[in-house]
C-alpha atoms as a PDB file:
ATOM      1  CA  MET A   1      60.274 162.367 146.928  1.00  0.00           C
ATOM      2  CA  ALA A   2      57.193 160.572 148.010  1.00  0.00           C
ATOM      3  CA  PHE A   3      59.062 157.380 148.607  1.00  0.00           C
ATOM      4  CA  ASP A   4      61.780 158.865 150.802  1.00  0.00           C
ATOM      5  CA  ILE A   5      61.406 158.668 154.734  1.00  0.00           C
ATOM      6  CA  LEU A   6      63.493 160.635 157.287  1.00  0.00           C
ATOM      7  CA  THR A   7      64.791 158.160 160.007  1.00  0.00           C
ATOM      8  CA  ALA A   8      67.025 159.288 162.584  1.00  0.00           C
ATOM      9  CA  GLY A   9      68.478 162.089 160.464  1.00  0.00           C
ATOM     10  CA  ARG A  10      68.861 159.904 157.396  1.00  0.00           C
ATOM     11  CA  ILE A  11      66.708 159.738 154.304  1.00  0.00           C
ATOM     12  CA  ILE A  12      65.861 156.124 153.353  1.00  0.00           C
ATOM     13  CA  ASN A  13      64.671 155.397 149.799  1.00  0.00           C
ATOM     14  CA  ILE A  14      61.646 152.928 150.181  1.00  0.00           C
ATOM     15  CA  ARG A  15      62.294 151.583 146.551  1.00  0.00           C
ATOM     16  CA  LEU A  16      65.816 150.305 147.614  1.00  0.00           C
ATOM     17  CA  VAL A  17      64.521 148.768 150.858  1.00  0.00           C
ATOM     18  CA  MET A  18      61.900 146.966 149.009  1.00  0.00           C
ATOM     19  CA  ARG A  19      64.287 145.527 146.275  1.00  0.00           C
ATOM     20  CA  ALA A  20      66.462 143.993 149.136  1.00  0.00           C
ATOM     21  CA  PRO A  21      64.137 141.015 149.971  1.00  0.00           C
ATOM     22  CA  LEU A  22      63.627 140.276 146.216  1.00  0.00           C
ATOM     23  CA  PHE A  23      67.390 140.337 145.719  1.00  0.00           C
ATOM     24  CA  ILE A  24      67.815 137.882 148.550  1.00  0.00           C
ATOM     25  CA  VAL A  25      65.207 135.446 147.153  1.00  0.00           C
ATOM     26  CA  VAL A  26      66.593 135.522 143.739  1.00  0.00           C
ATOM     27  CA  MET A  27      70.169 134.935 144.849  1.00  0.00           C
ATOM     28  CA  ALA A  28      68.999 132.138 147.003  1.00  0.00           C
ATOM     29  CA  LEU A  29      67.308 130.292 144.167  1.00  0.00           C
ATOM     30  CA  LEU A  30      70.276 130.893 141.902  1.00  0.00           C
ATOM     31  CA  THR A  31      72.695 129.487 144.570  1.00  0.00           C
ATOM     32  CA  GLY A  32      70.442 126.445 145.059  1.00  0.00           C
ATOM     33  CA  CYS A  33      70.668 125.587 141.384  1.00  0.00           C
ATOM     34  CA  ALA A  34      74.281 126.454 141.105  1.00  0.00           C
ATOM     35  CA  THR A  35      75.142 123.914 143.590  1.00  0.00           C
ATOM     36  CA  ALA A  36      73.443 121.038 141.781  1.00  0.00           C
ATOM     37  CA  ARG A  37      74.587 117.529 142.547  1.00  0.00           C
ATOM     38  CA  ASP A  38      76.065 115.538 139.704  1.00  0.00           C
ATOM     39  CA  GLN A  39      75.365 111.969 138.526  1.00  0.00           C
ATOM     40  CA  ILE A  40      78.069 110.515 140.908  1.00  0.00           C
ATOM     41  CA  ASP A  41      76.459 112.289 143.857  1.00  0.00           C
ATOM     42  CA  TYR A  42      73.017 110.841 143.101  1.00  0.00           C
ATOM     43  CA  LEU A  43      74.626 107.361 142.693  1.00  0.00           C
ATOM     44  CA  VAL A  44      76.417 107.582 146.045  1.00  0.00           C
ATOM     45  CA  ALA A  45      73.132 108.796 147.868  1.00  0.00           C
ATOM     46  CA  ASP A  46      71.041 105.880 146.192  1.00  0.00           C
ATOM     47  CA  LEU A  47      73.584 103.297 147.109  1.00  0.00           C
ATOM     48  CA  SER A  48      73.979 104.633 150.704  1.00  0.00           C
ATOM     49  CA  ALA A  49      70.179 104.426 151.069  1.00  0.00           C
ATOM     50  CA  THR A  50      70.341 100.648 150.575  1.00  0.00           C
ATOM     51  CA  ARG A  51      72.157 100.243 153.918  1.00  0.00           C
ATOM     52  CA  GLY A  52      74.951  98.041 152.483  1.00  0.00           C
ATOM     53  CA  MET A  53      72.793  95.753 150.239  1.00  0.00           C
ATOM     54  CA  TRP A  54      74.266  97.473 147.202  1.00  0.00           C
ATOM     55  CA  ILE A  55      77.581  95.730 147.480  1.00  0.00           C
ATOM     56  CA  ASN A  56      75.829  92.312 146.917  1.00  0.00           C
ATOM     57  CA  GLY A  57      75.993  90.675 143.474  1.00  0.00           C
ATOM     58  CA  VAL A  58      78.511  89.744 140.892  1.00  0.00           C
ATOM     59  CA  SER A  59      81.550  91.753 140.102  1.00  0.00           C
ATOM     60  CA  PRO A  60      84.576  90.913 137.961  1.00  0.00           C
ATOM     61  CA  ILE A  61      87.827  90.044 139.850  1.00  0.00           C
ATOM     62  CA  ILE A  62      90.595  92.252 138.591  1.00  0.00           C
ATOM     63  CA  HIS A  63      94.221  91.735 139.527  1.00  0.00           C
ATOM     64  CA  LEU A  64      95.986  95.030 139.378  1.00  0.00           C
ATOM     65  CA  PRO A  65      98.336  96.729 141.864  1.00  0.00           C
ATOM     66  CA  GLU A  66      96.609  98.992 144.384  1.00  0.00           C
ATOM     67  CA  ASN A  67      98.214 102.031 142.786  1.00  0.00           C
ATOM     68  CA  ALA A  68      96.764 101.269 139.369  1.00  0.00           C
ATOM     69  CA  SER A  69      95.510 104.313 137.441  1.00  0.00           C
ATOM     70  CA  PRO A  70      91.741 104.727 136.916  1.00  0.00           C
ATOM     71  CA  LYS A  71      92.351 104.131 133.186  1.00  0.00           C
ATOM     72  CA  GLN A  72      94.077 100.764 133.785  1.00  0.00           C
ATOM     73  CA  VAL A  73      91.192  99.725 135.986  1.00  0.00           C
ATOM     74  CA  LEU A  74      88.507 100.910 133.508  1.00  0.00           C
ATOM     75  CA  ASP A  75      90.254  99.024 130.676  1.00  0.00           C
ATOM     76  CA  GLN A  76      90.081  95.796 132.654  1.00  0.00           C
ATOM     77  CA  VAL A  77      86.496  96.432 133.878  1.00  0.00           C
ATOM     78  CA  PHE A  78      85.183  96.993 130.348  1.00  0.00           C
ATOM     79  CA  GLN A  79      87.099  94.070 128.968  1.00  0.00           C
ATOM     80  CA  MET A  80      85.489  91.733 131.579  1.00  0.00           C
ATOM     81  CA  THR A  81      82.010  93.267 131.860  1.00  0.00           C
ATOM     82  CA  GLY A  82      79.279  92.782 129.273  1.00  0.00           C
ATOM     83  CA  PHE A  83      76.064  94.560 128.899  1.00  0.00           C
ATOM     84  CA  ASP A  84      72.729  93.737 127.105  1.00  0.00           C
ATOM     85  CA  ARG A  85      74.179  95.394 124.029  1.00  0.00           C
ATOM     86  CA  GLY A  86      77.528  93.846 124.219  1.00  0.00           C
ATOM     87  CA  HIS A  87      80.942  95.038 125.511  1.00  0.00           C
ATOM     88  CA  VAL A  88      82.158  98.669 125.794  1.00  0.00           C
ATOM     89  CA  LYS A  89      84.688  99.110 122.931  1.00  0.00           C
ATOM     90  CA  HIS A  90      85.403 102.908 123.245  1.00  0.00           C
ATOM     91  CA  TYR A  91      85.065 105.153 126.284  1.00  0.00           C
ATOM     92  CA  LYS A  92      86.209 108.714 127.405  1.00  0.00           C
ATOM     93  CA  ILE A  93      86.705 109.523 131.087  1.00  0.00           C
ATOM     94  CA  LEU A  94      84.713 112.461 132.048  1.00  0.00           C
ATOM     95  CA  LYS A  95      85.287 112.742 135.706  1.00  0.00           C
ATOM     96  CA  VAL A  96      87.035 110.626 138.486  1.00  0.00           C
ATOM     97  CA  ARG A  97      86.853 111.234 142.147  1.00  0.00           C
ATOM     98  CA  ARG A  98      86.959 109.365 145.545  1.00  0.00           C
ATOM     99  CA  VAL A  99      83.658 108.725 147.239  1.00  0.00           C
ATOM    100  CA  HIS A 100      82.607 107.417 150.708  1.00  0.00           C
ATOM    101  CA  ILE A 101      79.847 104.842 150.798  1.00  0.00           C
ATOM    102  CA  ASP A 102      78.804 103.105 153.978  1.00  0.00           C
ATOM    103  CA  GLY A 103      82.230 103.736 155.546  1.00  0.00           C
ATOM    104  CA  GLY A 104      84.210 102.465 152.658  1.00  0.00           C
ATOM    105  CA  LEU A 105      86.311 104.458 150.327  1.00  0.00           C
ATOM    106  CA  TYR A 106      85.874 104.007 146.448  1.00  0.00           C
ATOM    107  CA  THR A 107      86.777 105.550 143.249  1.00  0.00           C
ATOM    108  CA  ALA A 108      83.894 106.626 140.915  1.00  0.00           C
ATOM    109  CA  ALA A 109      84.503 107.308 137.282  1.00  0.00           C
ATOM    110  CA  LEU A 110      81.920 108.941 135.103  1.00  0.00           C
ATOM    111  CA  VAL A 111      82.639 107.791 131.527  1.00  0.00           C
ATOM    112  CA  GLU A 112      81.025 108.360 128.027  1.00  0.00           C
ATOM    113  CA  THR A 113      81.018 104.984 126.279  1.00  0.00           C
ATOM    114  CA  ASP A 114      79.809 103.719 122.890  1.00  0.00           C
ATOM    115  CA  LEU A 115      76.980 102.140 124.942  1.00  0.00           C
ATOM    116  CA  GLY A 116      76.025 105.443 126.721  1.00  0.00           C
ATOM    117  CA  LYS A 117      77.171 107.289 129.769  1.00  0.00           C
ATOM    118  CA  LYS A 118      78.059 105.108 132.694  1.00  0.00           C
ATOM    119  CA  ILE A 119      79.599 105.340 136.235  1.00  0.00           C
ATOM    120  CA  VAL A 120      82.258 102.811 137.177  1.00  0.00           C
ATOM    121  CA  LEU A 121      82.667 102.420 140.962  1.00  0.00           C
ATOM    122  CA  PHE A 122      85.708 100.511 142.096  1.00  0.00           C
ATOM    123  CA  SER A 123      88.000  99.801 144.939  1.00  0.00           C
ATOM    124  CA  ALA A 124      91.731 100.306 145.149  1.00  0.00           C
ATOM    125  CA  GLY A 125      93.355  98.232 142.153  1.00  0.00           C
ATOM    126  CA  GLY A 126      89.925  97.516 140.870  1.00  0.00           C
ATOM    127  CA  ARG A 127      89.708  94.467 143.269  1.00  0.00           C
ATOM    128  CA  TRP A 128      85.948  95.176 143.384  1.00  0.00           C
ATOM    129  CA  SER A 129      83.976  97.072 140.706  1.00  0.00           C
ATOM    130  CA  ARG A 130      80.504  97.628 139.365  1.00  0.00           C
ATOM    131  CA  VAL A 131      79.291  99.504 136.363  1.00  0.00           C
ATOM    132  CA  TYR A 132      76.106 101.708 136.598  1.00  0.00           C
ATOM    133  CA  ASP A 133      74.108 103.198 133.694  1.00  0.00           C
ATOM    134  CA  THR A 134      73.159 106.926 134.230  1.00  0.00           C
ATOM    135  CA  LYS A 135      69.540 108.008 133.639  1.00  0.00           C
ATOM    136  CA  PRO A 136      67.868 111.327 133.828  1.00  0.00           C
ATOM    137  CA  ARG A 137      66.468 112.460 137.057  1.00  0.00           C
ATOM    138  CA  PRO A 138      63.422 114.629 137.303  1.00  0.00           C
ATOM    139  CA  SER A 139      64.510 118.172 137.598  1.00  0.00           C
ATOM    140  CA  ARG A 140      63.415 120.752 140.157  1.00  0.00           C
ATOM    141  CA  PRO A 141      61.489 123.552 139.025  1.00  0.00           C
ATOM    142  CA  GLY A 142      63.849 126.361 137.852  1.00  0.00           C
ATOM    143  CA  CYS A 143      66.927 124.079 137.884  1.00  0.00           C
ATOM    144  CA  ASN A 144      68.225 121.844 135.089  1.00  0.00           C
ATOM    145  CA  ARG A 145      69.341 118.741 136.753  1.00  0.00           C
ATOM    146  CA  THR A 146      69.773 115.330 135.530  1.00  0.00           C
ATOM    147  CA  SER A 147      70.969 112.054 136.993  1.00  0.00           C
ATOM    148  CA  SER A 148      70.163 108.582 138.298  1.00  0.00           C
ATOM    149  CA  TRP A 149      71.385 105.054 137.857  1.00  0.00           C
ATOM    150  CA  ALA A 150      70.472 101.570 137.124  1.00  0.00           C
ATOM    151  CA  GLY A 151      72.663  98.913 135.626  1.00  0.00           C
ATOM    152  CA  SER A 152      72.527  95.554 133.757  1.00  0.00           C
ATOM    153  CA  LEU A 153      75.696  93.639 133.400  1.00  0.00           C
ATOM    154  CA  SER A 154      76.958  90.172 132.681  1.00  0.00           C
ATOM    155  CA  LEU A 155      80.526  88.814 133.251  1.00  0.00           C
ATOM    156  CA  GLY A 156      82.549  87.046 130.825  1.00  0.00           C
ATOM    157  CA  ARG A 157      84.181  87.552 127.454  1.00  0.00           C
END
Protein backbone atom coordinates (compact mmCIF):
# COMPACT_ATOMS: atom_id res chain seq x y z
CA MET A 1 0.00 0.00 0.00
CA ALA A 2 2.61 2.49 -1.14
CA PHE A 3 -0.12 4.85 -2.32
CA ASP A 4 -1.98 5.10 0.99
CA ILE A 5 -1.32 7.92 3.48
CA LEU A 6 -2.32 8.01 7.13
CA THR A 7 -3.92 11.37 7.94
CA ALA A 8 -5.57 12.18 11.26
CA GLY A 9 -6.18 8.52 11.90
CA ARG A 10 -7.66 7.88 8.42
CA ILE A 11 -6.10 6.16 5.45
CA ILE A 12 -6.46 8.11 2.19
CA ASN A 13 -5.90 6.37 -1.12
CA ILE A 14 -3.84 8.72 -3.31
CA ARG A 15 -5.22 7.19 -6.53
CA LEU A 16 -8.77 8.18 -5.56
CA VAL A 17 -7.68 11.70 -4.63
CA MET A 18 -5.88 12.14 -7.96
CA ARG A 19 -8.93 10.98 -9.94
CA ALA A 20 -11.22 13.64 -8.45
CA PRO A 21 -9.77 16.63 -10.41
CA LEU A 22 -9.87 14.63 -13.65
CA PHE A 23 -13.49 13.69 -12.99
CA ILE A 24 -14.40 17.34 -12.34
CA VAL A 25 -12.74 18.51 -15.57
CA VAL A 26 -14.44 15.81 -17.65
CA MET A 27 -17.86 16.61 -16.13
CA ALA A 28 -17.39 20.33 -16.79
CA LEU A 29 -16.61 19.67 -20.46
CA LEU A 30 -19.58 17.35 -20.86
CA THR A 31 -21.94 19.80 -19.15
CA GLY A 32 -20.75 22.62 -21.42
CA CYS A 33 -21.57 20.58 -24.51
CA ALA A 34 -24.88 19.32 -23.13
CA THR A 35 -26.18 22.87 -22.70
CA ALA A 36 -25.58 23.74 -26.35
CA ARG A 37 -27.59 26.60 -27.70
CA ASP A 38 -29.94 25.77 -30.54
CA GLN A 39 -30.48 27.59 -33.84
CA ILE A 40 -33.16 29.85 -32.36
CA ASP A 41 -30.79 30.92 -29.56
CA TYR A 42 -28.11 31.86 -32.10
CA LEU A 43 -30.59 33.86 -34.19
CA VAL A 44 -31.85 35.75 -31.13
CA ALA A 45 -28.27 36.55 -30.07
CA ASP A 46 -27.33 37.73 -33.56
CA LEU A 47 -30.43 39.92 -33.90
CA SER A 48 -30.00 41.38 -30.40
CA ALA A 49 -26.43 42.38 -31.29
CA THR A 50 -27.73 44.70 -34.05
CA ARG A 51 -29.22 47.08 -31.45
CA GLY A 52 -32.64 47.19 -33.09
CA MET A 53 -31.53 47.43 -36.72
CA TRP A 54 -32.75 43.87 -37.44
CA ILE A 55 -36.39 45.00 -37.39
CA ASN A 56 -35.87 47.27 -40.44
CA GLY A 57 -36.87 45.95 -43.83
CA VAL A 58 -39.82 44.44 -45.62
CA SER A 59 -42.22 42.01 -43.97
CA PRO A 60 -45.64 40.77 -45.07
CA ILE A 61 -48.73 42.21 -43.36
CA ILE A 62 -50.84 39.35 -42.09
CA HIS A 63 -54.33 39.89 -40.75
CA LEU A 64 -55.00 37.18 -38.17
CA PRO A 65 -56.39 37.39 -34.63
CA GLU A 66 -53.76 37.85 -31.90
CA ASN A 67 -54.53 34.35 -30.59
CA ALA A 68 -53.88 32.69 -33.97
CA SER A 69 -51.95 29.42 -33.73
CA PRO A 70 -48.36 29.25 -34.96
CA LYS A 71 -49.53 26.96 -37.79
CA GLN A 72 -52.08 29.55 -38.96
CA VAL A 73 -49.39 32.25 -38.95
CA LEU A 74 -46.86 30.03 -40.75
CA ASP A 75 -49.41 29.12 -43.43
CA GLN A 76 -49.96 32.82 -44.16
CA VAL A 77 -46.26 33.74 -43.95
CA PHE A 78 -45.21 31.05 -46.42
CA GLN A 79 -48.09 31.94 -48.74
CA MET A 80 -46.97 35.59 -48.84
CA THR A 81 -43.17 35.19 -48.71
CA GLY A 82 -41.10 34.08 -51.67
CA PHE A 83 -37.43 33.09 -51.79
CA ASP A 84 -34.79 32.87 -54.49
CA ARG A 85 -35.92 29.27 -55.13
CA GLY A 86 -39.66 30.02 -55.00
CA HIS A 87 -42.31 29.67 -52.32
CA VAL A 88 -42.38 27.10 -49.52
CA LYS A 89 -44.91 24.44 -50.46
CA HIS A 90 -44.46 21.98 -47.59
CA TYR A 91 -43.16 22.46 -44.06
CA LYS A 92 -42.98 20.68 -40.73
CA ILE A 93 -42.79 22.56 -37.43
CA LEU A 94 -39.82 21.30 -35.40
CA LYS A 95 -39.93 23.72 -32.46
CA VAL A 96 -41.93 26.79 -31.39
CA ARG A 97 -41.12 29.05 -28.48
CA ARG A 98 -41.38 32.64 -27.25
CA VAL A 99 -38.25 34.79 -27.40
CA HIS A 100 -37.29 38.26 -26.17
CA ILE A 101 -35.38 40.51 -28.55
CA ASP A 102 -34.62 44.15 -27.73
CA GLY A 103 -37.42 44.26 -25.16
CA GLY A 104 -40.04 42.83 -27.52
CA LEU A 105 -41.75 39.44 -27.22
CA TYR A 106 -41.88 37.32 -30.38
CA THR A 107 -42.60 33.75 -31.36
CA ALA A 108 -39.85 31.80 -33.09
CA ALA A 109 -40.67 28.67 -35.09
CA LEU A 110 -37.96 26.34 -36.34
CA VAL A 111 -39.33 24.60 -39.44
CA GLU A 112 -38.10 22.06 -41.96
CA THR A 113 -39.31 23.09 -45.42
CA ASP A 114 -38.94 21.90 -48.99
CA LEU A 115 -36.46 24.82 -49.34
CA GLY A 116 -34.42 23.86 -46.28
CA LYS A 117 -34.52 24.53 -42.55
CA LYS A 118 -35.79 28.00 -41.60
CA ILE A 119 -36.68 30.07 -38.55
CA VAL A 120 -39.82 32.17 -38.76
CA LEU A 121 -39.95 35.00 -36.27
CA PHE A 122 -43.33 36.69 -35.76
CA SER A 123 -45.33 38.89 -33.41
CA ALA A 124 -48.79 38.12 -32.01
CA GLY A 125 -51.15 37.19 -34.82
CA GLY A 126 -48.28 37.43 -37.30
CA ARG A 127 -48.74 41.20 -37.71
CA TRP A 128 -44.96 41.34 -38.15
CA SER A 129 -42.94 38.39 -39.44
CA ARG A 130 -39.60 37.55 -40.98
CA VAL A 131 -38.13 34.27 -42.28
CA TYR A 132 -34.46 33.38 -41.75
CA ASP A 133 -32.46 30.54 -43.31
CA THR A 134 -30.40 28.48 -40.88
CA LYS A 135 -26.75 27.77 -41.60
CA PRO A 136 -24.13 25.73 -39.76
CA ARG A 137 -22.11 27.45 -37.05
CA PRO A 138 -18.47 26.56 -36.46
CA SER A 139 -18.39 23.99 -33.68
CA ARG A 140 -16.36 24.27 -30.51
CA PRO A 141 -13.71 21.60 -30.08
CA GLY A 142 -15.32 18.59 -28.46
CA CYS A 143 -18.88 19.76 -29.09
CA ASN A 144 -21.09 19.10 -32.08
CA ARG A 145 -22.90 22.44 -32.49
CA THR A 146 -24.49 23.94 -35.57
CA SER A 147 -26.51 27.08 -36.23
CA SER A 148 -26.59 30.51 -37.77
CA TRP A 149 -28.90 32.55 -39.92
CA ALA A 150 -29.18 34.55 -43.04
CA GLY A 151 -32.24 35.20 -45.10
CA SER A 152 -33.24 36.21 -48.57
CA LEU A 153 -36.88 36.89 -49.28
CA SER A 154 -39.25 38.71 -51.55
CA LEU A 155 -42.88 39.52 -50.97
CA GLY A 156 -45.69 38.75 -53.30
CA ARG A 157 -47.49 35.84 -54.78
